Amino acid sequence: MIIENSGIKGLKSDLAHLDGASSKLGFVRWQWEYYRATYDLKLEDKANKADYYLRFNTRAVEGKLESPYAILVLEDAYIGRSTFPHGLDYQSPVPDQILKLANQKLAELKKQLSE
């Protein structure tokens, strides 16, 4: 599920600032290569015993990800339910409390990157 109107799409940041701001919020840069990276945040729904991952992708518009000075542009944020043994289901419904928390994290990220 793509999270519309998150406010992060199109934001630009250097890699070092993005890594610092996102890690403070609990995001981890998992997949990356020279020109793109994916950041994930695990959200636990303890009531339903399910895990969801809030994810956003980035693309390098200046430099490569091996440099902390590389400039990245953020793309859409999306959320999916974790499936066993690995993978994400983007079609399953997301509980309101998880979606609310995801939107809060994205708003905090936008604020961090806009400063």
PDB file of N, CA and C in Angstrom:
ATOM      1  N   MET A   1       0.839  -1.165   0.000  1.00  0.00           N
ATOM      2  CA  MET A   1       0.000   0.000   0.000  1.00  0.00           C
ATOM      3  C   MET A   1       0.891   1.237   0.000  1.00  0.00           C
ATOM      4  N   ILE A   2       0.718   2.070  -0.992  1.00  0.00           N
ATOM      5  CA  ILE A   2       1.442   3.335  -1.049  1.00  0.00           C
ATOM      6  C   ILE A   2       0.752   4.317  -0.111  1.00  0.00           C
ATOM      7  N   ILE A   3       1.544   5.018   0.662  1.00  0.00           N
ATOM      8  CA  ILE A   3       0.997   6.017   1.572  1.00  0.00           C
ATOM      9  C   ILE A   3       1.002   7.353   0.835  1.00  0.00           C
ATOM     10  N   GLU A   4      -0.182   7.778   0.436  1.00  0.00           N
ATOM     11  CA  GLU A   4      -0.334   9.021  -0.318  1.00  0.00           C
ATOM     12  C   GLU A   4      -0.132  10.227   0.596  1.00  0.00           C
ATOM     13  N   ASN A   5       0.349  11.299   0.026  1.00  0.00           N
ATOM     14  CA  ASN A   5       0.489  12.582   0.724  1.00  0.00           C
ATOM     15  C   ASN A   5       1.348  12.505   1.990  1.00  0.00           C
ATOM     16  N   SER A   6       2.385  11.684   1.950  1.00  0.00           N
ATOM     17  CA  SER A   6       3.258  11.580   3.119  1.00  0.00           C
ATOM     18  C   SER A   6       4.147  12.811   3.256  1.00  0.00           C
ATOM     19  N   GLY A   7       4.354  13.501   2.159  1.00  0.00           N
ATOM     20  CA  GLY A   7       5.185  14.695   2.188  1.00  0.00           C
ATOM     21  C   GLY A   7       6.663  14.445   2.016  1.00  0.00           C
ATOM     22  N   ILE A   8       7.070  13.185   1.908  1.00  0.00           N
ATOM     23  CA  ILE A   8       8.504  12.919   1.763  1.00  0.00           C
ATOM     24  C   ILE A   8       8.921  12.761   0.306  1.00  0.00           C
ATOM     25  N   LYS A   9       7.983  12.442  -0.566  1.00  0.00           N
ATOM     26  CA  LYS A   9       8.325  12.216  -1.969  1.00  0.00           C
ATOM     27  C   LYS A   9       8.895  13.493  -2.570  1.00  0.00           C
ATOM     28  N   GLY A  10      10.085  13.355  -3.147  1.00  0.00           N
ATOM     29  CA  GLY A  10      10.736  14.495  -3.773  1.00  0.00           C
ATOM     30  C   GLY A  10      11.706  15.249  -2.882  1.00  0.00           C
ATOM     31  N   LEU A  11      11.700  14.951  -1.571  1.00  0.00           N
ATOM     32  CA  LEU A  11      12.671  15.594  -0.685  1.00  0.00           C
ATOM     33  C   LEU A  11      14.078  15.139  -1.059  1.00  0.00           C
ATOM     34  N   LYS A  12      15.047  16.038  -0.899  1.00  0.00           N
ATOM     35  CA  LYS A  12      16.444  15.704  -1.173  1.00  0.00           C
ATOM     36  C   LYS A  12      17.258  15.841   0.100  1.00  0.00           C
ATOM     37  N   SER A  13      18.253  14.973   0.217  1.00  0.00           N
ATOM     38  CA  SER A  13      19.135  15.005   1.386  1.00  0.00           C
ATOM     39  C   SER A  13      20.454  14.345   1.018  1.00  0.00           C
ATOM     40  N   ASP A  14      21.520  14.768   1.695  1.00  0.00           N
ATOM     41  CA  ASP A  14      22.758  14.017   1.517  1.00  0.00           C
ATOM     42  C   ASP A  14      22.655  12.730   2.334  1.00  0.00           C
ATOM     43  N   LEU A  15      23.418  11.745   1.941  1.00  0.00           N
ATOM     44  CA  LEU A  15      23.337  10.417   2.547  1.00  0.00           C
ATOM     45  C   LEU A  15      23.583  10.452   4.050  1.00  0.00           C
ATOM     46  N   ALA A  16      24.587  11.189   4.484  1.00  0.00           N
ATOM     47  CA  ALA A  16      24.922  11.217   5.910  1.00  0.00           C
ATOM     48  C   ALA A  16      23.761  11.779   6.739  1.00  0.00           C
ATOM     49  N   HIS A  17      23.145  12.860   6.271  1.00  0.00           N
ATOM     50  CA  HIS A  17      22.024  13.461   7.008  1.00  0.00           C
ATOM     51  C   HIS A  17      20.813  12.532   6.996  1.00  0.00           C
ATOM     52  N   LEU A  18      20.528  11.930   5.852  1.00  0.00           N
ATOM     53  CA  LEU A  18      19.388  11.012   5.748  1.00  0.00           C
ATOM     54  C   LEU A  18      19.581   9.802   6.654  1.00  0.00           C
ATOM     55  N   ASP A  19      20.768   9.227   6.638  1.00  0.00           N
ATOM     56  CA  ASP A  19      21.043   8.084   7.523  1.00  0.00           C
ATOM     57  C   ASP A  19      20.864   8.464   8.993  1.00  0.00           C
ATOM     58  N   GLY A  20      21.367   9.627   9.384  1.00  0.00           N
ATOM     59  CA  GLY A  20      21.251  10.062  10.782  1.00  0.00           C
ATOM     60  C   GLY A  20      19.808  10.324  11.187  1.00  0.00           C
ATOM     61  N   ALA A  21      19.078  11.063  10.336  1.00  0.00           N
ATOM     62  CA  ALA A  21      17.687  11.403  10.653  1.00  0.00           C
ATOM     63  C   ALA A  21      16.803  10.165  10.678  1.00  0.00           C
ATOM     64  N   SER A  22      16.981   9.287   9.709  1.00  0.00           N
ATOM     65  CA  SER A  22      16.122   8.098   9.639  1.00  0.00           C
ATOM     66  C   SER A  22      16.441   7.112  10.756  1.00  0.00           C
ATOM     67  N   SER A  23      17.709   6.955  11.112  1.00  0.00           N
ATOM     68  CA  SER A  23      18.055   5.999  12.171  1.00  0.00           C
ATOM     69  C   SER A  23      17.541   6.468  13.531  1.00  0.00           C
ATOM     70  N   LYS A  24      17.458   7.783  13.759  1.00  0.00           N
ATOM     71  CA  LYS A  24      16.895   8.301  15.011  1.00  0.00           C
ATOM     72  C   LYS A  24      15.427   7.886  15.161  1.00  0.00           C
ATOM     73  N   LEU A  25      14.751   7.697  14.031  1.00  0.00           N
ATOM     74  CA  LEU A  25      13.335   7.324  14.043  1.00  0.00           C
ATOM     75  C   LEU A  25      13.137   5.809  14.000  1.00  0.00           C
ATOM     76  N   GLY A  26      14.234   5.057  13.892  1.00  0.00           N
ATOM     77  CA  GLY A  26      14.144   3.602  13.892  1.00  0.00           C
ATOM     78  C   GLY A  26      14.266   2.950  12.535  1.00  0.00           C
ATOM     79  N   PHE A  27      14.437   3.745  11.473  1.00  0.00           N
ATOM     80  CA  PHE A  27      14.604   3.176  10.137  1.00  0.00           C
ATOM     81  C   PHE A  27      16.003   2.575   9.998  1.00  0.00           C
ATOM     82  N   VAL A  28      16.099   1.551   9.172  1.00  0.00           N
ATOM     83  CA  VAL A  28      17.373   0.916   8.872  1.00  0.00           C
ATOM     84  C   VAL A  28      17.542   0.910   7.355  1.00  0.00           C
ATOM     85  N   ARG A  29      18.743   1.293   6.900  1.00  0.00           N
ATOM     86  CA  ARG A  29      19.026   1.208   5.461  1.00  0.00           C
ATOM     87  C   ARG A  29      19.446  -0.228   5.177  1.00  0.00           C
ATOM     88  N   TRP A  30      18.529  -1.006   4.578  1.00  0.00           N
ATOM     89  CA  TRP A  30      18.802  -2.417   4.304  1.00  0.00           C
ATOM     90  C   TRP A  30      19.414  -2.588   2.937  1.00  0.00           C
ATOM     91  N   GLN A  31      18.600  -2.555   1.941  1.00  0.00           N
ATOM     92  CA  GLN A  31      19.089  -2.794   0.585  1.00  0.00           C
ATOM     93  C   GLN A  31      19.700  -1.511   0.044  1.00  0.00           C
ATOM     94  N   TRP A  32      20.870  -1.640  -0.538  1.00  0.00           N
ATOM     95  CA  TRP A  32      21.444  -0.484  -1.198  1.00  0.00           C
ATOM     96  C   TRP A  32      22.451  -0.927  -2.232  1.00  0.00           C
ATOM     97  N   GLU A  33      22.633  -0.095  -3.202  1.00  0.00           N
ATOM     98  CA  GLU A  33      23.659  -0.265  -4.215  1.00  0.00           C
ATOM     99  C   GLU A  33      24.163   1.134  -4.525  1.00  0.00           C
ATOM    100  N   TYR A  34      24.921   1.306  -5.572  1.00  0.00           N
ATOM    101  CA  TYR A  34      25.560   2.594  -5.810  1.00  0.00           C
ATOM    102  C   TYR A  34      24.590   3.753  -6.020  1.00  0.00           C
ATOM    103  N   TYR A  35      23.423   3.487  -6.587  1.00  0.00           N
ATOM    104  CA  TYR A  35      22.530   4.590  -6.948  1.00  0.00           C
ATOM    105  C   TYR A  35      21.157   4.548  -6.284  1.00  0.00           C
ATOM    106  N   ARG A  36      20.888   3.576  -5.433  1.00  0.00           N
ATOM    107  CA  ARG A  36      19.577   3.533  -4.770  1.00  0.00           C
ATOM    108  C   ARG A  36      19.715   2.849  -3.415  1.00  0.00           C
ATOM    109  N   ALA A  37      18.760   3.167  -2.540  1.00  0.00           N
ATOM    110  CA  ALA A  37      18.739   2.552  -1.211  1.00  0.00           C
ATOM    111  C   ALA A  37      17.299   2.449  -0.740  1.00  0.00           C
ATOM    112  N   THR A  38      17.042   1.446   0.111  1.00  0.00           N
ATOM    113  CA  THR A  38      15.730   1.236   0.701  1.00  0.00           C
ATOM    114  C   THR A  38      15.867   1.313   2.210  1.00  0.00           C
ATOM    115  N   TYR A  39      14.979   2.080   2.823  1.00  0.00           N
ATOM    116  CA  TYR A  39      14.950   2.233   4.275  1.00  0.00           C
ATOM    117  C   TYR A  39      13.680   1.580   4.806  1.00  0.00           C
ATOM    118  N   ASP A  40      13.807   0.797   5.872  1.00  0.00           N
ATOM    119  CA  ASP A  40      12.681   0.078   6.466  1.00  0.00           C
ATOM    120  C   ASP A  40      12.534   0.403   7.946  1.00  0.00           C
ATOM    121  N   LEU A  41      11.274   0.414   8.389  1.00  0.00           N
ATOM    122  CA  LEU A  41      10.956   0.562   9.804  1.00  0.00           C
ATOM    123  C   LEU A  41       9.946  -0.516  10.162  1.00  0.00           C
ATOM    124  N   LYS A  42      10.301  -1.357  11.143  1.00  0.00           N
ATOM    125  CA  LYS A  42       9.400  -2.423  11.588  1.00  0.00           C
ATOM    126  C   LYS A  42       8.395  -1.862  12.581  1.00  0.00           C
ATOM    127  N   LEU A  43       7.109  -2.129  12.311  1.00  0.00           N
ATOM    128  CA  LEU A  43       6.013  -1.720  13.196  1.00  0.00           C
ATOM    129  C   LEU A  43       5.288  -2.978  13.636  1.00  0.00           C
ATOM    130  N   GLU A  44       5.169  -3.173  14.946  1.00  0.00           N
ATOM    131  CA  GLU A  44       4.562  -4.389  15.478  1.00  0.00           C
ATOM    132  C   GLU A  44       3.115  -4.145  15.898  1.00  0.00           C
ATOM    133  N   ASP A  45       2.227  -5.003  15.429  1.00  0.00           N
ATOM    134  CA  ASP A  45       0.823  -5.000  15.857  1.00  0.00           C
ATOM    135  C   ASP A  45       0.684  -6.156  16.838  1.00  0.00           C
ATOM    136  N   LYS A  46       0.855  -5.851  18.118  1.00  0.00           N
ATOM    137  CA  LYS A  46       0.851  -6.900  19.142  1.00  0.00           C
ATOM    138  C   LYS A  46      -0.522  -7.533  19.316  1.00  0.00           C
ATOM    139  N   ALA A  47      -1.576  -6.764  19.067  1.00  0.00           N
ATOM    140  CA  ALA A  47      -2.929  -7.300  19.223  1.00  0.00           C
ATOM    141  C   ALA A  47      -3.197  -8.431  18.226  1.00  0.00           C
ATOM    142  N   ASN A  48      -2.710  -8.277  17.007  1.00  0.00           N
ATOM    143  CA  ASN A  48      -2.940  -9.287  15.970  1.00  0.00           C
ATOM    144  C   ASN A  48      -1.716 -10.160  15.715  1.00  0.00           C
ATOM    145  N   LYS A  49      -0.669  -9.927  16.493  1.00  0.00           N
ATOM    146  CA  LYS A  49       0.582 -10.674  16.339  1.00  0.00           C
ATOM    147  C   LYS A  49       1.072 -10.646  14.889  1.00  0.00           C
ATOM    148  N   ALA A  50       1.158  -9.428  14.348  1.00  0.00           N
ATOM    149  CA  ALA A  50       1.613  -9.243  12.968  1.00  0.00           C
ATOM    150  C   ALA A  50       2.636  -8.109  12.932  1.00  0.00           C
ATOM    151  N   ASP A  51       3.558  -8.215  12.005  1.00  0.00           N
ATOM    152  CA  ASP A  51       4.560  -7.176  11.800  1.00  0.00           C
ATOM    153  C   ASP A  51       4.312  -6.506  10.461  1.00  0.00           C
ATOM    154  N   TYR A  52       4.515  -5.209  10.441  1.00  0.00           N
ATOM    155  CA  TYR A  52       4.379  -4.417   9.223  1.00  0.00           C
ATOM    156  C   TYR A  52       5.684  -3.667   9.027  1.00  0.00           C
ATOM    157  N   TYR A  53       6.008  -3.400   7.769  1.00  0.00           N
ATOM    158  CA  TYR A  53       7.213  -2.642   7.466  1.00  0.00           C
ATOM    159  C   TYR A  53       6.845  -1.400   6.677  1.00  0.00           C
ATOM    160  N   LEU A  54       7.245  -0.263   7.229  1.00  0.00           N
ATOM    161  CA  LEU A  54       7.127   1.011   6.546  1.00  0.00           C
ATOM    162  C   LEU A  54       8.416   1.177   5.756  1.00  0.00           C
ATOM    163  N   ARG A  55       8.301   1.468   4.478  1.00  0.00           N
ATOM    164  CA  ARG A  55       9.474   1.475   3.602  1.00  0.00           C
ATOM    165  C   ARG A  55       9.435   2.683   2.685  1.00  0.00           C
ATOM    166  N   PHE A  56      10.604   3.229   2.419  1.00  0.00           N
ATOM    167  CA  PHE A  56      10.726   4.221   1.354  1.00  0.00           C
ATOM    168  C   PHE A  56      12.026   3.980   0.609  1.00  0.00           C
ATOM    169  N   ASN A  57      11.992   4.282  -0.674  1.00  0.00           N
ATOM    170  CA  ASN A  57      13.152   4.129  -1.536  1.00  0.00           C
ATOM    171  C   ASN A  57      13.773   5.488  -1.803  1.00  0.00           C
ATOM    172  N   THR A  58      15.049   5.472  -2.139  1.00  0.00           N
ATOM    173  CA  THR A  58      15.756   6.689  -2.528  1.00  0.00           C
ATOM    174  C   THR A  58      16.557   6.406  -3.790  1.00  0.00           C
ATOM    175  N   ARG A  59      16.859   7.462  -4.515  1.00  0.00           N
ATOM    176  CA  ARG A  59      17.718   7.378  -5.696  1.00  0.00           C
ATOM    177  C   ARG A  59      18.765   8.475  -5.604  1.00  0.00           C
ATOM    178  N   ALA A  60      19.990   8.137  -5.954  1.00  0.00           N
ATOM    179  CA  ALA A  60      21.068   9.127  -5.973  1.00  0.00           C
ATOM    180  C   ALA A  60      20.910  10.013  -7.206  1.00  0.00           C
ATOM    181  N   VAL A  61      20.933  11.325  -6.990  1.00  0.00           N
ATOM    182  CA  VAL A  61      20.881  12.262  -8.111  1.00  0.00           C
ATOM    183  C   VAL A  61      22.226  12.965  -8.292  1.00  0.00           C
ATOM    184  N   GLU A  62      23.073  12.879  -7.273  1.00  0.00           N
ATOM    185  CA  GLU A  62      24.445  13.384  -7.354  1.00  0.00           C
ATOM    186  C   GLU A  62      25.340  12.436  -6.564  1.00  0.00           C
ATOM    187  N   GLY A  63      26.374  11.930  -7.196  1.00  0.00           N
ATOM    188  CA  GLY A  63      27.309  11.037  -6.515  1.00  0.00           C
ATOM    189  C   GLY A  63      26.780   9.615  -6.405  1.00  0.00           C
ATOM    190  N   LYS A  64      27.507   8.817  -5.623  1.00  0.00           N
ATOM    191  CA  LYS A  64      27.153   7.420  -5.387  1.00  0.00           C
ATOM    192  C   LYS A  64      27.023   7.193  -3.891  1.00  0.00           C
ATOM    193  N   LEU A  65      26.312   6.141  -3.514  1.00  0.00           N
ATOM    194  CA  LEU A  65      26.057   5.883  -2.105  1.00  0.00           C
ATOM    195  C   LEU A  65      27.298   5.508  -1.303  1.00  0.00           C
ATOM    196  N   GLU A  66      28.401   5.319  -1.920  1.00  0.00           N
ATOM    197  CA  GLU A  66      29.615   5.059  -1.163  1.00  0.00           C
ATOM    198  C   GLU A  66      30.162   6.355  -0.550  1.00  0.00           C
ATOM    199  N   SER A  67      29.587   7.498  -0.907  1.00  0.00           N
ATOM    200  CA  SER A  67      30.010   8.785  -0.371  1.00  0.00           C
ATOM    201  C   SER A  67      28.926   9.367   0.543  1.00  0.00           C
ATOM    202  N   PRO A  68      29.296   9.839   1.735  1.00  0.00           N
ATOM    203  CA  PRO A  68      28.301  10.455   2.623  1.00  0.00           C
ATOM    204  C   PRO A  68      27.747  11.766   2.063  1.00  0.00           C
ATOM    205  N   TYR A  69      28.390  12.300   1.034  1.00  0.00           N
ATOM    206  CA  TYR A  69      27.957  13.555   0.425  1.00  0.00           C
ATOM    207  C   TYR A  69      27.038  13.347  -0.770  1.00  0.00           C
ATOM    208  N   ALA A  70      26.752  12.098  -1.112  1.00  0.00           N
ATOM    209  CA  ALA A  70      25.836  11.817  -2.219  1.00  0.00           C
ATOM    210  C   ALA A  70      24.477  12.434  -1.910  1.00  0.00           C
ATOM    211  N   ILE A  71      23.856  13.014  -2.927  1.00  0.00           N
ATOM    212  CA  ILE A  71      22.532  13.618  -2.762  1.00  0.00           C
ATOM    213  C   ILE A  71      21.490  12.617  -3.247  1.00  0.00           C
ATOM    214  N   LEU A  72      20.527  12.335  -2.350  1.00  0.00           N
ATOM    215  CA  LEU A  72      19.471  11.369  -2.655  1.00  0.00           C
ATOM    216  C   LEU A  72      18.131  12.079  -2.711  1.00  0.00           C
ATOM    217  N   VAL A  73      17.259  11.583  -3.569  1.00  0.00           N
ATOM    218  CA  VAL A  73      15.886  12.057  -3.601  1.00  0.00           C
ATOM    219  C   VAL A  73      15.001  10.917  -3.100  1.00  0.00           C
ATOM    220  N   LEU A  74      14.065  11.246  -2.213  1.00  0.00           N
ATOM    221  CA  LEU A  74      13.173  10.235  -1.648  1.00  0.00           C
ATOM    222  C   LEU A  74      12.005   9.981  -2.584  1.00  0.00           C
ATOM    223  N   GLU A  75      11.577   8.734  -2.615  1.00  0.00           N
ATOM    224  CA  GLU A  75      10.448   8.336  -3.436  1.00  0.00           C
ATOM    225  C   GLU A  75       9.262   8.005  -2.524  1.00  0.00           C
ATOM    226  N   ASP A  76       8.241   7.366  -3.081  1.00  0.00           N
ATOM    227  CA  ASP A  76       7.030   7.048  -2.319  1.00  0.00           C
ATOM    228  C   ASP A  76       7.330   6.220  -1.074  1.00  0.00           C
ATOM    229  N   ALA A  77       6.514   6.438  -0.061  1.00  0.00           N
ATOM    230  CA  ALA A  77       6.530   5.599   1.134  1.00  0.00           C
ATOM    231  C   ALA A  77       5.419   4.569   0.983  1.00  0.00           C
ATOM    232  N   TYR A  78       5.677   3.356   1.427  1.00  0.00           N
ATOM    233  CA  TYR A  78       4.663   2.318   1.354  1.00  0.00           C
ATOM    234  C   TYR A  78       4.811   1.383   2.538  1.00  0.00           C
ATOM    235  N   ILE A  79       3.749   0.616   2.775  1.00  0.00           N
ATOM    236  CA  ILE A  79       3.713  -0.257   3.945  1.00  0.00           C
ATOM    237  C   ILE A  79       3.149  -1.610   3.541  1.00  0.00           C
ATOM    238  N   GLY A  80       3.697  -2.660   4.152  1.00  0.00           N
ATOM    239  CA  GLY A  80       3.225  -4.005   3.867  1.00  0.00           C
ATOM    240  C   GLY A  80       3.326  -4.888   5.094  1.00  0.00           C
ATOM    241  N   ARG A  81       2.540  -5.929   5.075  1.00  0.00           N
ATOM    242  CA  ARG A  81       2.543  -6.899   6.184  1.00  0.00           C
ATOM    243  C   ARG A  81       3.615  -7.948   5.915  1.00  0.00           C
ATOM    244  N   SER A  82       4.366  -8.267   6.934  1.00  0.00           N
ATOM    245  CA  SER A  82       5.416  -9.264   6.823  1.00  0.00           C
ATOM    246  C   SER A  82       4.807 -10.646   6.627  1.00  0.00           C
ATOM    247  N   THR A  83       5.386 -11.415   5.728  1.00  0.00           N
ATOM    248  CA  THR A  83       4.931 -12.782   5.480  1.00  0.00           C
ATOM    249  C   THR A  83       6.072 -13.748   5.757  1.00  0.00           C
ATOM    250  N   PHE A  84       5.715 -14.974   6.120  1.00  0.00           N
ATOM    251  CA  PHE A  84       6.715 -15.995   6.451  1.00  0.00           C
ATOM    252  C   PHE A  84       7.118 -16.740   5.185  1.00  0.00           C
ATOM    253  N   PRO A  85       8.336 -17.078   4.983  1.00  0.00           N
ATOM    254  CA  PRO A  85       9.506 -16.827   5.814  1.00  0.00           C
ATOM    255  C   PRO A  85      10.095 -15.434   5.594  1.00  0.00           C
ATOM    256  N   HIS A  86       9.854 -14.856   4.452  1.00  0.00           N
ATOM    257  CA  HIS A  86      10.295 -13.474   4.221  1.00  0.00           C
ATOM    258  C   HIS A  86       9.482 -12.907   3.065  1.00  0.00           C
ATOM    259  N   GLY A  87       9.301 -11.628   3.107  1.00  0.00           N
ATOM    260  CA  GLY A  87       8.532 -10.956   2.073  1.00  0.00           C
ATOM    261  C   GLY A  87       7.513 -10.022   2.690  1.00  0.00           C
ATOM    262  N   LEU A  88       6.894  -9.219   1.848  1.00  0.00           N
ATOM    263  CA  LEU A  88       5.888  -8.270   2.306  1.00  0.00           C
ATOM    264  C   LEU A  88       4.650  -8.385   1.433  1.00  0.00           C
ATOM    265  N   ASP A  89       3.493  -8.352   2.078  1.00  0.00           N
ATOM    266  CA  ASP A  89       2.214  -8.373   1.384  1.00  0.00           C
ATOM    267  C   ASP A  89       1.680  -6.947   1.391  1.00  0.00           C
ATOM    268  N   TYR A  90       1.680  -6.325   0.216  1.00  0.00           N
ATOM    269  CA  TYR A  90       1.249  -4.932   0.119  1.00  0.00           C
ATOM    270  C   TYR A  90      -0.253  -4.803  -0.097  1.00  0.00           C
ATOM    271  N   GLN A  91      -0.956  -5.917  -0.264  1.00  0.00           N
ATOM    272  CA  GLN A  91      -2.388  -5.888  -0.532  1.00  0.00           C
ATOM    273  C   GLN A  91      -3.245  -6.060   0.722  1.00  0.00           C
ATOM    274  N   SER A  92      -2.680  -6.626   1.783  1.00  0.00           N
ATOM    275  CA  SER A  92      -3.478  -6.873   2.985  1.00  0.00           C
ATOM    276  C   SER A  92      -3.792  -5.549   3.690  1.00  0.00           C
ATOM    277  N   PRO A  93      -4.953  -5.483   4.350  1.00  0.00           N
ATOM    278  CA  PRO A  93      -5.319  -4.249   5.049  1.00  0.00           C
ATOM    279  C   PRO A  93      -4.365  -3.956   6.206  1.00  0.00           C
ATOM    280  N   VAL A  94      -4.170  -2.671   6.456  1.00  0.00           N
ATOM    281  CA  VAL A  94      -3.277  -2.234   7.531  1.00  0.00           C
ATOM    282  C   VAL A  94      -4.148  -1.657   8.647  1.00  0.00           C
ATOM    283  N   PRO A  95      -3.989  -2.150   9.884  1.00  0.00           N
ATOM    284  CA  PRO A  95      -4.784  -1.619  11.002  1.00  0.00           C
ATOM    285  C   PRO A  95      -4.585  -0.105  11.173  1.00  0.00           C
ATOM    286  N   ASP A  96      -5.633   0.561  11.607  1.00  0.00           N
ATOM    287  CA  ASP A  96      -5.595   2.019  11.750  1.00  0.00           C
ATOM    288  C   ASP A  96      -4.464   2.497  12.651  1.00  0.00           C
ATOM    289  N   GLN A  97      -4.220   1.792  13.772  1.00  0.00           N
ATOM    290  CA  GLN A  97      -3.184   2.243  14.697  1.00  0.00           C
ATOM    291  C   GLN A  97      -1.791   2.133  14.075  1.00  0.00           C
ATOM    292  N   ILE A  98      -1.577   1.135  13.227  1.00  0.00           N
ATOM    293  CA  ILE A  98      -0.290   0.982  12.543  1.00  0.00           C
ATOM    294  C   ILE A  98      -0.137   2.072  11.486  1.00  0.00           C
ATOM    295  N   LEU A  99      -1.195   2.344  10.750  1.00  0.00           N
ATOM    296  CA  LEU A  99      -1.164   3.390   9.728  1.00  0.00           C
ATOM    297  C   LEU A  99      -0.944   4.763  10.360  1.00  0.00           C
ATOM    298  N   LYS A 100      -1.564   4.993  11.507  1.00  0.00           N
ATOM    299  CA  LYS A 100      -1.386   6.259  12.222  1.00  0.00           C
ATOM    300  C   LYS A 100       0.068   6.423  12.662  1.00  0.00           C
ATOM    301  N   LEU A 101       0.651   5.358  13.212  1.00  0.00           N
ATOM    302  CA  LEU A 101       2.043   5.396  13.635  1.00  0.00           C
ATOM    303  C   LEU A 101       2.966   5.618  12.433  1.00  0.00           C
ATOM    304  N   ALA A 102       2.677   4.965  11.320  1.00  0.00           N
ATOM    305  CA  ALA A 102       3.480   5.133  10.105  1.00  0.00           C
ATOM    306  C   ALA A 102       3.442   6.587   9.642  1.00  0.00           C
ATOM    307  N   ASN A 103       2.275   7.191   9.638  1.00  0.00           N
ATOM    308  CA  ASN A 103       2.156   8.590   9.223  1.00  0.00           C
ATOM    309  C   ASN A 103       2.882   9.528  10.175  1.00  0.00           C
ATOM    310  N   GLN A 104       2.874   9.208  11.473  1.00  0.00           N
ATOM    311  CA  GLN A 104       3.618  10.015  12.445  1.00  0.00           C
ATOM    312  C   GLN A 104       5.117   9.951  12.166  1.00  0.00           C
ATOM    313  N   LYS A 105       5.615   8.752  11.900  1.00  0.00           N
ATOM    314  CA  LYS A 105       7.046   8.577  11.617  1.00  0.00           C
ATOM    315  C   LYS A 105       7.442   9.327  10.346  1.00  0.00           C
ATOM    316  N   LEU A 106       6.581   9.268   9.326  1.00  0.00           N
ATOM    317  CA  LEU A 106       6.878   9.972   8.082  1.00  0.00           C
ATOM    318  C   LEU A 106       6.858  11.483   8.285  1.00  0.00           C
ATOM    319  N   ALA A 107       5.941  11.981   9.096  1.00  0.00           N
ATOM    320  CA  ALA A 107       5.892  13.419   9.393  1.00  0.00           C
ATOM    321  C   ALA A 107       7.150  13.854  10.137  1.00  0.00           C
ATOM    322  N   GLU A 108       7.607  13.019  11.072  1.00  0.00           N
ATOM    323  CA  GLU A 108       8.836  13.323  11.804  1.00  0.00           C
ATOM    324  C   GLU A 108      10.044  13.323  10.877  1.00  0.00           C
ATOM    325  N   LEU A 109      10.070  12.359   9.948  1.00  0.00           N
ATOM    326  CA  LEU A 109      11.170  12.295   8.978  1.00  0.00           C
ATOM    327  C   LEU A 109      11.161  13.529   8.100  1.00  0.00           C
ATOM    328  N   LYS A 110       9.997  13.911   7.619  1.00  0.00           N
ATOM    329  CA  LYS A 110       9.895  15.123   6.781  1.00  0.00           C
ATOM    330  C   LYS A 110      10.414  16.337   7.534  1.00  0.00           C
ATOM    331  N   LYS A 111      10.034  16.455   8.803  1.00  0.00           N
ATOM    332  CA  LYS A 111      10.482  17.588   9.617  1.00  0.00           C
ATOM    333  C   LYS A 111      12.005  17.570   9.768  1.00  0.00           C
ATOM    334  N   GLN A 112      12.569  16.392  10.062  1.00  0.00           N
ATOM    335  CA  GLN A 112      14.022  16.270  10.225  1.00  0.00           C
ATOM    336  C   GLN A 112      14.765  16.673   8.949  1.00  0.00           C
ATOM    337  N   LEU A 113      14.232  16.262   7.805  1.00  0.00           N
ATOM    338  CA  LEU A 113      14.915  16.521   6.542  1.00  0.00           C
ATOM    339  C   LEU A 113      14.699  17.941   6.042  1.00  0.00           C
ATOM    340  N   SER A 114      13.661  18.599   6.526  1.00  0.00           N
ATOM    341  CA  SER A 114      13.363  19.970   6.081  1.00  0.00           C
ATOM    342  C   SER A 114      14.121  21.016   6.881  1.00  0.00           C
ATOM    343  N   GLU A 115      14.739  20.609   7.971  1.00  0.00           N
ATOM    344  CA  GLU A 115      15.480  21.565   8.819  1.00  0.00           C
ATOM    345  C   GLU A 115      16.810  21.918   8.230  1.00  0.00           C
TER     346      GLU A 115
END
